[in-house]
Amino acid sequence: MAEKAVSTLKELAMSFLALVIAIIFTIIAFAIANWAMSAFQITGDLPKAAAIIAVAIILGPTIAAFATKKYF
């Protein structure tokens, strides 16, 4: 029984670590998108919203993969 508890605890710790990594990737991706909007002088609400949606479309599956540990 103790073996199962340790295994469950390891899985929980791994999921938490994966979620933290995914959040870090999200922050980096949004920073790059923000930099690109500044570098290419993208102005206006609609283009900025489109860029953020594009980043979110890429990040959604990435976060899901890390949170569910499908990257192994």
PDB file of N, CA and C in Angstrom:
ATOM      1  N   MET A   1       0.822  -1.190   0.000  1.00  0.00           N
ATOM      2  CA  MET A   1       0.000   0.000   0.000  1.00  0.00           C
ATOM      3  C   MET A   1       0.869   1.258   0.000  1.00  0.00           C
ATOM      4  N   ALA A   2       1.951   1.256   0.754  1.00  0.00           N
ATOM      5  CA  ALA A   2       2.837   2.412   0.817  1.00  0.00           C
ATOM      6  C   ALA A   2       3.509   2.659  -0.526  1.00  0.00           C
ATOM      7  N   GLU A   3       3.779   1.560  -1.258  1.00  0.00           N
ATOM      8  CA  GLU A   3       4.386   1.692  -2.580  1.00  0.00           C
ATOM      9  C   GLU A   3       3.468   2.464  -3.527  1.00  0.00           C
ATOM     10  N   LYS A   4       2.183   2.179  -3.458  1.00  0.00           N
ATOM     11  CA  LYS A   4       1.214   2.857  -4.311  1.00  0.00           C
ATOM     12  C   LYS A   4       1.118   4.337  -3.954  1.00  0.00           C
ATOM     13  N   ALA A   5       1.199   4.655  -2.682  1.00  0.00           N
ATOM     14  CA  ALA A   5       1.142   6.055  -2.243  1.00  0.00           C
ATOM     15  C   ALA A   5       2.352   6.828  -2.746  1.00  0.00           C
ATOM     16  N   VAL A   6       3.510   6.218  -2.694  1.00  0.00           N
ATOM     17  CA  VAL A   6       4.732   6.866  -3.178  1.00  0.00           C
ATOM     18  C   VAL A   6       4.637   7.072  -4.684  1.00  0.00           C
ATOM     19  N   SER A   7       4.120   6.075  -5.403  1.00  0.00           N
ATOM     20  CA  SER A   7       3.964   6.188  -6.846  1.00  0.00           C
ATOM     21  C   SER A   7       2.992   7.307  -7.208  1.00  0.00           C
ATOM     22  N   THR A   8       1.901   7.397  -6.475  1.00  0.00           N
ATOM     23  CA  THR A   8       0.919   8.447  -6.715  1.00  0.00           C
ATOM     24  C   THR A   8       1.519   9.815  -6.427  1.00  0.00           C
ATOM     25  N   LEU A   9       2.296   9.912  -5.368  1.00  0.00           N
ATOM     26  CA  LEU A   9       2.946  11.169  -5.020  1.00  0.00           C
ATOM     27  C   LEU A   9       3.947  11.577  -6.103  1.00  0.00           C
ATOM     28  N   LYS A  10       4.693  10.621  -6.634  1.00  0.00           N
ATOM     29  CA  LYS A  10       5.643  10.911  -7.715  1.00  0.00           C
ATOM     30  C   LYS A  10       4.908  11.409  -8.957  1.00  0.00           C
ATOM     31  N   GLU A  11       3.794  10.766  -9.285  1.00  0.00           N
ATOM     32  CA  GLU A  11       3.016  11.185 -10.449  1.00  0.00           C
ATOM     33  C   GLU A  11       2.462  12.590 -10.257  1.00  0.00           C
ATOM     34  N   LEU A  12       2.000  12.892  -9.051  1.00  0.00           N
ATOM     35  CA  LEU A  12       1.477  14.220  -8.761  1.00  0.00           C
ATOM     36  C   LEU A  12       2.587  15.265  -8.883  1.00  0.00           C
ATOM     37  N   ALA A  13       3.750  14.962  -8.356  1.00  0.00           N
ATOM     38  CA  ALA A  13       4.887  15.887  -8.446  1.00  0.00           C
ATOM     39  C   ALA A  13       5.298  16.090  -9.898  1.00  0.00           C
ATOM     40  N   MET A  14       5.290  15.019 -10.696  1.00  0.00           N
ATOM     41  CA  MET A  14       5.659  15.123 -12.108  1.00  0.00           C
ATOM     42  C   MET A  14       4.637  15.972 -12.868  1.00  0.00           C
ATOM     43  N   SER A  15       3.360  15.790 -12.567  1.00  0.00           N
ATOM     44  CA  SER A  15       2.324  16.588 -13.222  1.00  0.00           C
ATOM     45  C   SER A  15       2.466  18.063 -12.862  1.00  0.00           C
ATOM     46  N   PHE A  16       2.749  18.345 -11.614  1.00  0.00           N
ATOM     47  CA  PHE A  16       2.933  19.723 -11.176  1.00  0.00           C
ATOM     48  C   PHE A  16       4.137  20.342 -11.868  1.00  0.00           C
ATOM     49  N   LEU A  17       5.239  19.607 -11.939  1.00  0.00           N
ATOM     50  CA  LEU A  17       6.436  20.099 -12.611  1.00  0.00           C
ATOM     51  C   LEU A  17       6.157  20.352 -14.091  1.00  0.00           C
ATOM     52  N   ALA A  18       5.438  19.444 -14.726  1.00  0.00           N
ATOM     53  CA  ALA A  18       5.094  19.613 -16.141  1.00  0.00           C
ATOM     54  C   ALA A  18       4.212  20.834 -16.343  1.00  0.00           C
ATOM     55  N   LEU A  19       3.289  21.070 -15.428  1.00  0.00           N
ATOM     56  CA  LEU A  19       2.432  22.239 -15.529  1.00  0.00           C
ATOM     57  C   LEU A  19       3.242  23.521 -15.378  1.00  0.00           C
ATOM     58  N   VAL A  20       4.197  23.535 -14.477  1.00  0.00           N
ATOM     59  CA  VAL A  20       5.063  24.699 -14.298  1.00  0.00           C
ATOM     60  C   VAL A  20       5.871  24.954 -15.570  1.00  0.00           C
ATOM     61  N   ILE A  21       6.398  23.905 -16.180  1.00  0.00           N
ATOM     62  CA  ILE A  21       7.147  24.042 -17.432  1.00  0.00           C
ATOM     63  C   ILE A  21       6.246  24.599 -18.530  1.00  0.00           C
ATOM     64  N   ALA A  22       5.022  24.109 -18.616  1.00  0.00           N
ATOM     65  CA  ALA A  22       4.082  24.601 -19.626  1.00  0.00           C
ATOM     66  C   ALA A  22       3.765  26.075 -19.409  1.00  0.00           C
ATOM     67  N   ILE A  23       3.617  26.489 -18.163  1.00  0.00           N
ATOM     68  CA  ILE A  23       3.348  27.895 -17.874  1.00  0.00           C
ATOM     69  C   ILE A  23       4.542  28.757 -18.267  1.00  0.00           C
ATOM     70  N   ILE A  24       5.742  28.273 -18.023  1.00  0.00           N
ATOM     71  CA  ILE A  24       6.949  29.005 -18.432  1.00  0.00           C
ATOM     72  C   ILE A  24       6.983  29.141 -19.946  1.00  0.00           C
ATOM     73  N   PHE A  25       6.673  28.063 -20.672  1.00  0.00           N
ATOM     74  CA  PHE A  25       6.610  28.132 -22.137  1.00  0.00           C
ATOM     75  C   PHE A  25       5.561  29.141 -22.593  1.00  0.00           C
ATOM     76  N   THR A  26       4.440  29.189 -21.892  1.00  0.00           N
ATOM     77  CA  THR A  26       3.383  30.137 -22.235  1.00  0.00           C
ATOM     78  C   THR A  26       3.869  31.569 -22.079  1.00  0.00           C
ATOM     79  N   ILE A  27       4.537  31.846 -20.997  1.00  0.00           N
ATOM     80  CA  ILE A  27       5.054  33.193 -20.758  1.00  0.00           C
ATOM     81  C   ILE A  27       6.064  33.575 -21.830  1.00  0.00           C
ATOM     82  N   ILE A  28       6.947  32.646 -22.176  1.00  0.00           N
ATOM     83  CA  ILE A  28       7.941  32.908 -23.216  1.00  0.00           C
ATOM     84  C   ILE A  28       7.269  33.154 -24.564  1.00  0.00           C
ATOM     85  N   ALA A  29       6.262  32.348 -24.898  1.00  0.00           N
ATOM     86  CA  ALA A  29       5.572  32.508 -26.183  1.00  0.00           C
ATOM     87  C   ALA A  29       4.855  33.847 -26.266  1.00  0.00           C
ATOM     88  N   PHE A  30       4.190  34.243 -25.194  1.00  0.00           N
ATOM     89  CA  PHE A  30       3.512  35.539 -25.213  1.00  0.00           C
ATOM     90  C   PHE A  30       4.511  36.684 -25.263  1.00  0.00           C
ATOM     91  N   ALA A  31       5.661  36.524 -24.633  1.00  0.00           N
ATOM     92  CA  ALA A  31       6.701  37.560 -24.705  1.00  0.00           C
ATOM     93  C   ALA A  31       7.231  37.686 -26.126  1.00  0.00           C
ATOM     94  N   ILE A  32       7.437  36.562 -26.791  1.00  0.00           N
ATOM     95  CA  ILE A  32       7.904  36.594 -28.184  1.00  0.00           C
ATOM     96  C   ILE A  32       6.850  37.230 -29.081  1.00  0.00           C
ATOM     97  N   ALA A  33       5.577  36.879 -28.866  1.00  0.00           N
ATOM     98  CA  ALA A  33       4.499  37.474 -29.665  1.00  0.00           C
ATOM     99  C   ALA A  33       4.437  38.985 -29.442  1.00  0.00           C
ATOM    100  N   ASN A  34       4.592  39.399 -28.202  1.00  0.00           N
ATOM    101  CA  ASN A  34       4.576  40.830 -27.906  1.00  0.00           C
ATOM    102  C   ASN A  34       5.758  41.534 -28.553  1.00  0.00           C
ATOM    103  N   TRP A  35       6.928  40.910 -28.500  1.00  0.00           N
ATOM    104  CA  TRP A  35       8.109  41.482 -29.141  1.00  0.00           C
ATOM    105  C   TRP A  35       7.899  41.589 -30.651  1.00  0.00           C
ATOM    106  N   ALA A  36       7.331  40.538 -31.256  1.00  0.00           N
ATOM    107  CA  ALA A  36       7.116  40.543 -32.705  1.00  0.00           C
ATOM    108  C   ALA A  36       6.132  41.647 -33.103  1.00  0.00           C
ATOM    109  N   MET A  37       5.101  41.851 -32.288  1.00  0.00           N
ATOM    110  CA  MET A  37       4.153  42.923 -32.604  1.00  0.00           C
ATOM    111  C   MET A  37       4.845  44.286 -32.551  1.00  0.00           C
ATOM    112  N   SER A  38       5.761  44.445 -31.623  1.00  0.00           N
ATOM    113  CA  SER A  38       6.508  45.704 -31.540  1.00  0.00           C
ATOM    114  C   SER A  38       7.516  45.820 -32.678  1.00  0.00           C
ATOM    115  N   ALA A  39       8.209  44.734 -32.962  1.00  0.00           N
ATOM    116  CA  ALA A  39       9.252  44.760 -33.990  1.00  0.00           C
ATOM    117  C   ALA A  39       8.672  45.016 -35.381  1.00  0.00           C
ATOM    118  N   PHE A  40       7.526  44.445 -35.669  1.00  0.00           N
ATOM    119  CA  PHE A  40       6.913  44.619 -36.983  1.00  0.00           C
ATOM    120  C   PHE A  40       5.868  45.734 -36.986  1.00  0.00           C
ATOM    121  N   GLN A  41       5.828  46.483 -35.914  1.00  0.00           N
ATOM    122  CA  GLN A  41       4.962  47.640 -35.764  1.00  0.00           C
ATOM    123  C   GLN A  41       3.501  47.299 -36.071  1.00  0.00           C
ATOM    124  N   ILE A  42       3.038  46.228 -35.466  1.00  0.00           N
ATOM    125  CA  ILE A  42       1.644  45.822 -35.610  1.00  0.00           C
ATOM    126  C   ILE A  42       0.821  46.657 -34.641  1.00  0.00           C
ATOM    127  N   THR A  43      -0.099  47.418 -35.200  1.00  0.00           N
ATOM    128  CA  THR A  43      -0.951  48.253 -34.363  1.00  0.00           C
ATOM    129  C   THR A  43      -2.404  47.886 -34.623  1.00  0.00           C
ATOM    130  N   GLY A  44      -3.240  48.317 -33.749  1.00  0.00           N
ATOM    131  CA  GLY A  44      -4.658  48.032 -33.907  1.00  0.00           C
ATOM    132  C   GLY A  44      -5.065  46.834 -33.072  1.00  0.00           C
ATOM    133  N   ASP A  45      -6.307  46.845 -32.671  1.00  0.00           N
ATOM    134  CA  ASP A  45      -6.791  45.783 -31.798  1.00  0.00           C
ATOM    135  C   ASP A  45      -6.961  44.455 -32.511  1.00  0.00           C
ATOM    136  N   LEU A  46      -7.453  44.486 -33.743  1.00  0.00           N
ATOM    137  CA  LEU A  46      -7.724  43.243 -34.461  1.00  0.00           C
ATOM    138  C   LEU A  46      -6.448  42.448 -34.762  1.00  0.00           C
ATOM    139  N   PRO A  47      -5.384  43.057 -35.296  1.00  0.00           N
ATOM    140  CA  PRO A  47      -4.152  42.283 -35.517  1.00  0.00           C
ATOM    141  C   PRO A  47      -3.539  41.746 -34.226  1.00  0.00           C
ATOM    142  N   LYS A  48      -3.603  42.546 -33.156  1.00  0.00           N
ATOM    143  CA  LYS A  48      -3.058  42.080 -31.882  1.00  0.00           C
ATOM    144  C   LYS A  48      -3.865  40.899 -31.356  1.00  0.00           C
ATOM    145  N   ALA A  49      -5.178  40.981 -31.485  1.00  0.00           N
ATOM    146  CA  ALA A  49      -6.029  39.867 -31.049  1.00  0.00           C
ATOM    147  C   ALA A  49      -5.743  38.621 -31.871  1.00  0.00           C
ATOM    148  N   ALA A  50      -5.530  38.784 -33.168  1.00  0.00           N
ATOM    149  CA  ALA A  50      -5.222  37.639 -34.035  1.00  0.00           C
ATOM    150  C   ALA A  50      -3.899  36.988 -33.634  1.00  0.00           C
ATOM    151  N   ALA A  51      -2.910  37.801 -33.301  1.00  0.00           N
ATOM    152  CA  ALA A  51      -1.612  37.256 -32.871  1.00  0.00           C
ATOM    153  C   ALA A  51      -1.748  36.499 -31.556  1.00  0.00           C
ATOM    154  N   ILE A  52      -2.501  37.035 -30.629  1.00  0.00           N
ATOM    155  CA  ILE A  52      -2.684  36.368 -29.340  1.00  0.00           C
ATOM    156  C   ILE A  52      -3.471  35.066 -29.515  1.00  0.00           C
ATOM    157  N   ILE A  53      -4.475  35.078 -30.382  1.00  0.00           N
ATOM    158  CA  ILE A  53      -5.242  33.852 -30.648  1.00  0.00           C
ATOM    159  C   ILE A  53      -4.348  32.796 -31.285  1.00  0.00           C
ATOM    160  N   ALA A  54      -3.484  33.208 -32.198  1.00  0.00           N
ATOM    161  CA  ALA A  54      -2.564  32.256 -32.835  1.00  0.00           C
ATOM    162  C   ALA A  54      -1.640  31.614 -31.803  1.00  0.00           C
ATOM    163  N   VAL A  55      -1.130  32.414 -30.886  1.00  0.00           N
ATOM    164  CA  VAL A  55      -0.271  31.872 -29.828  1.00  0.00           C
ATOM    165  C   VAL A  55      -1.068  30.919 -28.949  1.00  0.00           C
ATOM    166  N   ALA A  56      -2.297  31.293 -28.619  1.00  0.00           N
ATOM    167  CA  ALA A  56      -3.127  30.442 -27.761  1.00  0.00           C
ATOM    168  C   ALA A  56      -3.451  29.112 -28.438  1.00  0.00           C
ATOM    169  N   ILE A  57      -3.664  29.121 -29.748  1.00  0.00           N
ATOM    170  CA  ILE A  57      -3.945  27.877 -30.475  1.00  0.00           C
ATOM    171  C   ILE A  57      -2.754  26.931 -30.399  1.00  0.00           C
ATOM    172  N   ILE A  58      -1.569  27.467 -30.423  1.00  0.00           N
ATOM    173  CA  ILE A  58      -0.363  26.635 -30.323  1.00  0.00           C
ATOM    174  C   ILE A  58      -0.150  26.170 -28.885  1.00  0.00           C
ATOM    175  N   LEU A  59      -0.408  27.054 -27.921  1.00  0.00           N
ATOM    176  CA  LEU A  59      -0.106  26.733 -26.535  1.00  0.00           C
ATOM    177  C   LEU A  59      -1.121  25.802 -25.884  1.00  0.00           C
ATOM    178  N   GLY A  60      -2.355  25.840 -26.326  1.00  0.00           N
ATOM    179  CA  GLY A  60      -3.377  24.982 -25.726  1.00  0.00           C
ATOM    180  C   GLY A  60      -2.997  23.515 -25.731  1.00  0.00           C
ATOM    181  N   PRO A  61      -2.689  22.945 -26.894  1.00  0.00           N
ATOM    182  CA  PRO A  61      -2.270  21.542 -26.925  1.00  0.00           C
ATOM    183  C   PRO A  61      -0.952  21.276 -26.193  1.00  0.00           C
ATOM    184  N   THR A  62      -0.065  22.264 -26.192  1.00  0.00           N
ATOM    185  CA  THR A  62       1.207  22.090 -25.488  1.00  0.00           C
ATOM    186  C   THR A  62       0.970  21.956 -23.985  1.00  0.00           C
ATOM    187  N   ILE A  63       0.137  22.823 -23.440  1.00  0.00           N
ATOM    188  CA  ILE A  63      -0.165  22.751 -22.014  1.00  0.00           C
ATOM    189  C   ILE A  63      -0.880  21.444 -21.697  1.00  0.00           C
ATOM    190  N   ALA A  64      -1.807  21.050 -22.558  1.00  0.00           N
ATOM    191  CA  ALA A  64      -2.521  19.789 -22.335  1.00  0.00           C
ATOM    192  C   ALA A  64      -1.559  18.604 -22.361  1.00  0.00           C
ATOM    193  N   ALA A  65      -0.601  18.621 -23.269  1.00  0.00           N
ATOM    194  CA  ALA A  65       0.363  17.524 -23.353  1.00  0.00           C
ATOM    195  C   ALA A  65       1.217  17.444 -22.100  1.00  0.00           C
ATOM    196  N   PHE A  66       1.677  18.584 -21.616  1.00  0.00           N
ATOM    197  CA  PHE A  66       2.496  18.572 -20.415  1.00  0.00           C
ATOM    198  C   PHE A  66       1.675  18.193 -19.188  1.00  0.00           C
ATOM    199  N   ALA A  67       0.457  18.705 -19.090  1.00  0.00           N
ATOM    200  CA  ALA A  67      -0.354  18.439 -17.907  1.00  0.00           C
ATOM    201  C   ALA A  67      -0.786  16.957 -17.838  1.00  0.00           C
ATOM    202  N   THR A  68      -0.956  16.320 -18.980  1.00  0.00           N
ATOM    203  CA  THR A  68      -1.381  14.932 -18.985  1.00  0.00           C
ATOM    204  C   THR A  68      -0.213  13.960 -19.180  1.00  0.00           C
ATOM    205  N   LYS A  69       0.991  14.500 -19.251  1.00  0.00           N
ATOM    206  CA  LYS A  69       2.227  13.708 -19.387  1.00  0.00           C
ATOM    207  C   LYS A  69       2.241  12.859 -20.662  1.00  0.00           C
ATOM    208  N   LYS A  70       1.702  13.370 -21.749  1.00  0.00           N
ATOM    209  CA  LYS A  70       1.717  12.654 -23.025  1.00  0.00           C
ATOM    210  C   LYS A  70       3.006  12.914 -23.809  1.00  0.00           C
ATOM    211  N   TYR A  71       3.947  13.638 -23.202  1.00  0.00           N
ATOM    212  CA  TYR A  71       5.191  13.959 -23.883  1.00  0.00           C
ATOM    213  C   TYR A  71       6.244  12.882 -23.683  1.00  0.00           C
ATOM    214  N   PHE A  72       5.987  11.893 -22.833  1.00  0.00           N
ATOM    215  CA  PHE A  72       6.969  10.825 -22.597  1.00  0.00           C
ATOM    216  C   PHE A  72       6.996   9.875 -23.763  1.00  0.00           C
TER     217      PHE A  72
END
